[in-house]
Amino acid sequence: MLVKIVREGLGRAIALGDLVTRGSKMKRSEEQQARIAEELQSLSLYQFYACPFCIKVRRAMHRLNLPIETRDVNRHPQFRQELEHNAGKVKVPCLRIDDAQGSQWMLESGDIIAYLEQRYGQAA
């Protein structure tokens, strides 16, 4: 119980630090941003608000100007069930990528950020 309280408190402090220290968003033309926003409808991030690895992914999303839907697994039991059923376990962050072949579930923060950088970063 004490560990959970300490972990939650530290996570919230990290989340607050994230809000205070966020940099500016990537600039795109209105047309480019509209196209990307439409593409992002097929992505959703399963996360905990105070998880440091989730915060890391959300910072990358902010920097890349990617308004991806976030699904808080702690607050919404249906998201937790979806994650466990489809990804095989409750581990966050997890990026759900829907396409013509079905859904892919990406579980590692480093992999998620690399995917977003490659697809939507400056090099893209």
N, C-alpha and C. Protein backbone atom coordinates (compact mmCIF):
# COMPACT_ATOMS: atom_id res chain seq x y z
N MET A 1 0.82 -1.19 0.00
CA MET A 1 0.00 0.00 0.00
C MET A 1 0.86 1.26 0.00
N LEU A 2 1.88 1.29 0.86
CA LEU A 2 2.76 2.45 0.94
C LEU A 2 3.51 2.65 -0.38
N VAL A 3 3.95 1.54 -0.98
CA VAL A 3 4.67 1.64 -2.25
C VAL A 3 3.76 2.23 -3.32
N LYS A 4 2.50 1.83 -3.34
CA LYS A 4 1.56 2.36 -4.32
C LYS A 4 1.36 3.86 -4.13
N ILE A 5 1.26 4.31 -2.89
CA ILE A 5 1.08 5.73 -2.61
C ILE A 5 2.31 6.53 -3.05
N VAL A 6 3.49 6.01 -2.72
CA VAL A 6 4.73 6.70 -3.10
C VAL A 6 4.86 6.74 -4.62
N ARG A 7 4.58 5.61 -5.29
CA ARG A 7 4.67 5.56 -6.75
C ARG A 7 3.70 6.54 -7.39
N GLU A 8 2.47 6.59 -6.89
CA GLU A 8 1.47 7.51 -7.44
C GLU A 8 1.89 8.97 -7.21
N GLY A 9 2.40 9.26 -6.02
CA GLY A 9 2.85 10.63 -5.72
C GLY A 9 4.01 11.05 -6.61
N LEU A 10 4.99 10.17 -6.78
CA LEU A 10 6.12 10.49 -7.67
C LEU A 10 5.66 10.64 -9.11
N GLY A 11 4.76 9.77 -9.53
CA GLY A 11 4.24 9.88 -10.90
C GLY A 11 3.54 11.19 -11.14
N ARG A 12 2.76 11.64 -10.18
CA ARG A 12 2.05 12.92 -10.33
C ARG A 12 3.04 14.09 -10.32
N ALA A 13 4.10 13.99 -9.52
CA ALA A 13 5.12 15.04 -9.53
C ALA A 13 5.82 15.09 -10.89
N ILE A 14 6.10 13.94 -11.47
CA ILE A 14 6.72 13.87 -12.79
C ILE A 14 5.76 14.45 -13.84
N ALA A 15 4.47 14.12 -13.72
CA ALA A 15 3.47 14.65 -14.66
C ALA A 15 3.39 16.17 -14.57
N LEU A 16 3.45 16.70 -13.35
CA LEU A 16 3.44 18.15 -13.19
C LEU A 16 4.69 18.78 -13.80
N GLY A 17 5.84 18.16 -13.55
CA GLY A 17 7.09 18.64 -14.17
C GLY A 17 7.00 18.62 -15.68
N ASP A 18 6.36 17.61 -16.22
CA ASP A 18 6.17 17.52 -17.68
C ASP A 18 5.36 18.71 -18.18
N LEU A 19 4.27 19.02 -17.52
CA LEU A 19 3.43 20.13 -17.96
C LEU A 19 4.17 21.46 -17.91
N VAL A 20 5.01 21.63 -16.91
CA VAL A 20 5.73 22.89 -16.73
C VAL A 20 6.87 23.04 -17.73
N THR A 21 7.48 21.93 -18.13
CA THR A 21 8.69 22.01 -18.96
C THR A 21 8.49 21.63 -20.42
N ARG A 22 7.28 21.46 -20.86
CA ARG A 22 7.05 21.08 -22.25
C ARG A 22 7.56 22.14 -23.20
N GLY A 23 8.16 21.68 -24.28
CA GLY A 23 8.64 22.60 -25.31
C GLY A 23 7.53 22.95 -26.29
N SER A 24 7.93 23.54 -27.40
CA SER A 24 6.94 23.93 -28.40
C SER A 24 6.65 22.75 -29.33
N LYS A 25 5.50 22.84 -29.96
CA LYS A 25 5.06 21.79 -30.89
C LYS A 25 5.69 22.00 -32.26
N MET A 26 5.81 20.90 -33.00
CA MET A 26 6.29 20.95 -34.37
C MET A 26 5.30 21.77 -35.21
N LYS A 27 5.83 22.61 -36.07
CA LYS A 27 4.99 23.43 -36.94
C LYS A 27 4.79 22.73 -38.27
N ARG A 28 3.54 22.73 -38.72
CA ARG A 28 3.17 22.18 -40.03
C ARG A 28 2.16 23.13 -40.67
N SER A 29 1.99 22.98 -41.97
CA SER A 29 0.94 23.76 -42.63
C SER A 29 -0.41 23.21 -42.16
N GLU A 30 -1.45 24.01 -42.32
CA GLU A 30 -2.79 23.57 -41.92
C GLU A 30 -3.20 22.31 -42.66
N GLU A 31 -2.86 22.22 -43.94
CA GLU A 31 -3.22 21.04 -44.73
C GLU A 31 -2.49 19.79 -44.21
N GLN A 32 -1.20 19.94 -43.93
CA GLN A 32 -0.44 18.81 -43.41
C GLN A 32 -0.99 18.36 -42.06
N GLN A 33 -1.27 19.31 -41.18
CA GLN A 33 -1.77 18.96 -39.86
C GLN A 33 -3.14 18.30 -39.95
N ALA A 34 -3.99 18.77 -40.86
CA ALA A 34 -5.31 18.16 -41.05
C ALA A 34 -5.19 16.74 -41.56
N ARG A 35 -4.25 16.51 -42.50
CA ARG A 35 -4.02 15.16 -43.03
C ARG A 35 -3.53 14.23 -41.93
N ILE A 36 -2.60 14.71 -41.13
CA ILE A 36 -2.06 13.90 -40.04
C ILE A 36 -3.13 13.63 -38.99
N ALA A 37 -3.93 14.63 -38.66
CA ALA A 37 -5.00 14.44 -37.67
C ALA A 37 -5.97 13.35 -38.13
N GLU A 38 -6.23 13.30 -39.43
CA GLU A 38 -7.11 12.25 -39.95
C GLU A 38 -6.44 10.88 -39.85
N GLU A 39 -5.15 10.80 -40.16
CA GLU A 39 -4.41 9.54 -40.02
C GLU A 39 -4.40 9.06 -38.58
N LEU A 40 -4.31 10.00 -37.65
CA LEU A 40 -4.21 9.64 -36.24
C LEU A 40 -5.49 9.06 -35.67
N GLN A 41 -6.58 9.14 -36.41
CA GLN A 41 -7.83 8.52 -35.96
C GLN A 41 -7.67 7.01 -35.79
N SER A 42 -6.67 6.43 -36.46
CA SER A 42 -6.46 4.98 -36.37
C SER A 42 -5.49 4.60 -35.24
N LEU A 43 -5.05 5.58 -34.44
CA LEU A 43 -4.13 5.31 -33.33
C LEU A 43 -4.79 5.67 -32.00
N SER A 44 -4.45 4.90 -30.97
CA SER A 44 -4.85 5.26 -29.61
C SER A 44 -3.78 4.77 -28.65
N LEU A 45 -3.53 5.57 -27.63
CA LEU A 45 -2.50 5.26 -26.64
C LEU A 45 -3.17 4.82 -25.34
N TYR A 46 -2.95 3.58 -24.95
CA TYR A 46 -3.42 3.06 -23.67
C TYR A 46 -2.34 3.42 -22.65
N GLN A 47 -2.74 4.05 -21.53
CA GLN A 47 -1.75 4.62 -20.64
C GLN A 47 -2.31 4.79 -19.23
N PHE A 48 -1.40 5.06 -18.28
CA PHE A 48 -1.73 5.52 -16.94
C PHE A 48 -1.27 6.98 -16.90
N TYR A 49 -2.03 7.84 -16.27
CA TYR A 49 -1.69 9.26 -16.23
C TYR A 49 -0.33 9.50 -15.60
N ALA A 50 -0.03 8.83 -14.49
CA ALA A 50 1.18 9.13 -13.72
C ALA A 50 2.34 8.18 -14.02
N CYS A 51 2.26 7.39 -15.06
CA CYS A 51 3.34 6.47 -15.42
C CYS A 51 4.46 7.24 -16.13
N PRO A 52 5.70 7.17 -15.63
CA PRO A 52 6.80 7.90 -16.27
C PRO A 52 7.02 7.54 -17.74
N PHE A 53 6.84 6.29 -18.10
CA PHE A 53 7.03 5.88 -19.49
C PHE A 53 5.91 6.41 -20.38
N CYS A 54 4.70 6.50 -19.82
CA CYS A 54 3.58 7.09 -20.56
C CYS A 54 3.80 8.58 -20.75
N ILE A 55 4.32 9.24 -19.72
CA ILE A 55 4.63 10.66 -19.81
C ILE A 55 5.67 10.89 -20.90
N LYS A 56 6.65 10.02 -20.97
CA LYS A 56 7.69 10.11 -22.01
C LYS A 56 7.06 10.06 -23.41
N VAL A 57 6.12 9.15 -23.60
CA VAL A 57 5.44 9.04 -24.90
C VAL A 57 4.57 10.27 -25.15
N ARG A 58 3.84 10.72 -24.14
CA ARG A 58 3.00 11.92 -24.32
C ARG A 58 3.84 13.15 -24.63
N ARG A 59 5.04 13.26 -24.05
CA ARG A 59 5.93 14.38 -24.39
C ARG A 59 6.32 14.33 -25.86
N ALA A 60 6.63 13.14 -26.35
CA ALA A 60 6.97 12.99 -27.78
C ALA A 60 5.77 13.34 -28.65
N MET A 61 4.57 12.92 -28.24
CA MET A 61 3.37 13.26 -29.00
C MET A 61 3.17 14.77 -29.04
N HIS A 62 3.41 15.43 -27.92
CA HIS A 62 3.27 16.89 -27.86
C HIS A 62 4.28 17.55 -28.79
N ARG A 63 5.55 17.13 -28.67
CA ARG A 63 6.63 17.72 -29.48
C ARG A 63 6.36 17.54 -30.96
N LEU A 64 5.83 16.37 -31.35
CA LEU A 64 5.55 16.08 -32.76
C LEU A 64 4.18 16.62 -33.21
N ASN A 65 3.44 17.24 -32.27
CA ASN A 65 2.13 17.82 -32.58
C ASN A 65 1.17 16.74 -33.10
N LEU A 66 1.06 15.67 -32.31
CA LEU A 66 0.23 14.52 -32.68
C LEU A 66 -0.91 14.36 -31.67
N PRO A 67 -2.12 14.81 -32.01
CA PRO A 67 -3.25 14.68 -31.09
C PRO A 67 -3.84 13.26 -31.13
N ILE A 68 -3.11 12.32 -30.55
CA ILE A 68 -3.55 10.93 -30.50
C ILE A 68 -4.46 10.74 -29.30
N GLU A 69 -5.55 10.00 -29.48
CA GLU A 69 -6.47 9.70 -28.38
C GLU A 69 -5.74 8.92 -27.31
N THR A 70 -5.89 9.34 -26.05
CA THR A 70 -5.32 8.59 -24.93
C THR A 70 -6.46 7.90 -24.19
N ARG A 71 -6.17 6.68 -23.74
CA ARG A 71 -7.14 5.87 -23.02
C ARG A 71 -6.54 5.47 -21.68
N ASP A 72 -7.06 6.03 -20.60
CA ASP A 72 -6.53 5.79 -19.27
C ASP A 72 -7.05 4.44 -18.75
N VAL A 73 -6.15 3.50 -18.63
CA VAL A 73 -6.48 2.13 -18.26
C VAL A 73 -6.91 2.04 -16.79
N ASN A 74 -6.44 2.94 -15.94
CA ASN A 74 -6.83 2.94 -14.52
C ASN A 74 -8.25 3.44 -14.31
N ARG A 75 -8.67 4.39 -15.10
CA ARG A 75 -9.96 5.04 -14.88
C ARG A 75 -11.11 4.39 -15.64
N HIS A 76 -10.80 3.63 -16.66
CA HIS A 76 -11.85 3.05 -17.50
C HIS A 76 -11.64 1.54 -17.64
N PRO A 77 -12.41 0.74 -16.91
CA PRO A 77 -12.21 -0.71 -16.94
C PRO A 77 -12.32 -1.34 -18.33
N GLN A 78 -13.13 -0.74 -19.21
CA GLN A 78 -13.26 -1.30 -20.55
C GLN A 78 -11.95 -1.19 -21.33
N PHE A 79 -11.19 -0.11 -21.12
CA PHE A 79 -9.89 0.04 -21.79
C PHE A 79 -8.90 -0.98 -21.24
N ARG A 80 -8.95 -1.22 -19.93
CA ARG A 80 -8.08 -2.22 -19.31
C ARG A 80 -8.38 -3.60 -19.90
N GLN A 81 -9.64 -3.93 -20.03
CA GLN A 81 -10.05 -5.22 -20.59
C GLN A 81 -9.61 -5.35 -22.05
N GLU A 82 -9.80 -4.29 -22.84
CA GLU A 82 -9.37 -4.30 -24.24
C GLU A 82 -7.87 -4.56 -24.33
N LEU A 83 -7.11 -3.86 -23.51
CA LEU A 83 -5.65 -3.99 -23.52
C LEU A 83 -5.24 -5.42 -23.15
N GLU A 84 -5.80 -5.93 -22.07
CA GLU A 84 -5.43 -7.28 -21.63
C GLU A 84 -5.83 -8.33 -22.66
N HIS A 85 -7.01 -8.20 -23.21
CA HIS A 85 -7.50 -9.18 -24.18
C HIS A 85 -6.69 -9.16 -25.48
N ASN A 86 -6.38 -7.98 -25.99
CA ASN A 86 -5.74 -7.86 -27.29
C ASN A 86 -4.21 -7.85 -27.25
N ALA A 87 -3.62 -7.26 -26.22
CA ALA A 87 -2.17 -7.20 -26.12
C ALA A 87 -1.62 -8.38 -25.31
N GLY A 88 -2.50 -9.08 -24.62
CA GLY A 88 -2.08 -10.24 -23.86
C GLY A 88 -1.73 -9.94 -22.41
N LYS A 89 -1.60 -8.67 -22.06
CA LYS A 89 -1.29 -8.27 -20.69
C LYS A 89 -1.62 -6.79 -20.51
N VAL A 90 -1.70 -6.38 -19.26
CA VAL A 90 -1.92 -4.97 -18.95
C VAL A 90 -0.55 -4.36 -18.73
N LYS A 91 -0.02 -3.76 -19.78
CA LYS A 91 1.27 -3.09 -19.73
C LYS A 91 1.14 -1.80 -20.52
N VAL A 92 1.55 -0.71 -19.89
CA VAL A 92 1.46 0.59 -20.55
C VAL A 92 2.84 1.23 -20.59
N PRO A 93 3.07 2.13 -21.52
CA PRO A 93 2.16 2.56 -22.57
C PRO A 93 2.04 1.50 -23.66
N CYS A 94 0.90 1.54 -24.33
CA CYS A 94 0.66 0.63 -25.45
C CYS A 94 -0.04 1.43 -26.55
N LEU A 95 0.54 1.42 -27.73
CA LEU A 95 -0.05 2.12 -28.86
C LEU A 95 -0.81 1.11 -29.71
N ARG A 96 -2.10 1.37 -29.90
CA ARG A 96 -2.93 0.54 -30.77
C ARG A 96 -2.93 1.19 -32.14
N ILE A 97 -2.55 0.40 -33.15
CA ILE A 97 -2.47 0.89 -34.52
C ILE A 97 -3.47 0.07 -35.34
N ASP A 98 -4.52 0.71 -35.81
CA ASP A 98 -5.53 0.05 -36.63
C ASP A 98 -5.26 0.34 -38.10
N ASP A 99 -5.27 -0.71 -38.92
CA ASP A 99 -5.13 -0.54 -40.36
C ASP A 99 -5.94 -1.61 -41.07
N ALA A 100 -5.79 -1.73 -42.37
CA ALA A 100 -6.58 -2.67 -43.16
C ALA A 100 -6.35 -4.13 -42.74
N GLN A 101 -5.17 -4.42 -42.20
CA GLN A 101 -4.86 -5.79 -41.78
C GLN A 101 -5.38 -6.10 -40.38
N GLY A 102 -5.87 -5.12 -39.65
CA GLY A 102 -6.36 -5.32 -38.29
C GLY A 102 -5.67 -4.38 -37.33
N SER A 103 -5.54 -4.82 -36.08
CA SER A 103 -4.92 -3.99 -35.05
C SER A 103 -3.58 -4.56 -34.64
N GLN A 104 -2.62 -3.66 -34.46
CA GLN A 104 -1.30 -4.01 -33.91
C GLN A 104 -1.20 -3.32 -32.56
N TRP A 105 -0.52 -3.97 -31.61
CA TRP A 105 -0.38 -3.43 -30.27
C TRP A 105 1.10 -3.30 -29.96
N MET A 106 1.59 -2.07 -29.85
CA MET A 106 3.01 -1.79 -29.62
C MET A 106 3.18 -1.44 -28.13
N LEU A 107 4.02 -2.22 -27.42
CA LEU A 107 4.07 -2.14 -25.96
C LEU A 107 5.23 -1.38 -25.34
N GLU A 108 6.26 -1.04 -26.02
CA GLU A 108 7.43 -0.40 -25.40
C GLU A 108 7.48 1.09 -25.74
N SER A 109 7.74 1.93 -24.74
CA SER A 109 7.76 3.38 -24.97
C SER A 109 8.79 3.77 -26.02
N GLY A 110 9.97 3.17 -25.98
CA GLY A 110 11.00 3.48 -26.97
C GLY A 110 10.57 3.11 -28.38
N ASP A 111 9.91 1.97 -28.52
CA ASP A 111 9.41 1.54 -29.84
C ASP A 111 8.30 2.48 -30.32
N ILE A 112 7.43 2.88 -29.41
CA ILE A 112 6.33 3.78 -29.77
C ILE A 112 6.88 5.12 -30.26
N ILE A 113 7.83 5.67 -29.52
CA ILE A 113 8.41 6.97 -29.89
C ILE A 113 9.16 6.85 -31.22
N ALA A 114 9.91 5.77 -31.42
CA ALA A 114 10.62 5.57 -32.70
C ALA A 114 9.63 5.48 -33.86
N TYR A 115 8.54 4.77 -33.66
CA TYR A 115 7.50 4.65 -34.69
C TYR A 115 6.92 6.03 -35.04
N LEU A 116 6.57 6.80 -34.01
CA LEU A 116 6.00 8.13 -34.24
C LEU A 116 7.00 9.07 -34.91
N GLU A 117 8.25 9.02 -34.47
CA GLU A 117 9.31 9.84 -35.09
C GLU A 117 9.48 9.49 -36.56
N GLN A 118 9.54 8.20 -36.86
CA GLN A 118 9.76 7.75 -38.24
C GLN A 118 8.57 8.14 -39.13
N ARG A 119 7.37 7.98 -38.61
CA ARG A 119 6.18 8.22 -39.43
C ARG A 119 5.79 9.70 -39.52
N TYR A 120 6.00 10.46 -38.42
CA TYR A 120 5.50 11.83 -38.38
C TYR A 120 6.56 12.89 -38.06
N GLY A 121 7.79 12.49 -37.85
CA GLY A 121 8.86 13.44 -37.49
C GLY A 121 9.35 14.24 -38.68
N GLN A 122 10.40 15.00 -38.45
CA GLN A 122 10.98 15.87 -39.50
C GLN A 122 11.40 15.07 -40.73
N ALA A 123 11.95 13.88 -40.53
CA ALA A 123 12.43 13.09 -41.66
C ALA A 123 11.28 12.58 -42.54
N ALA A 124 10.09 12.45 -41.96
CA ALA A 124 8.95 11.97 -42.74
C ALA A 124 8.50 13.05 -43.67
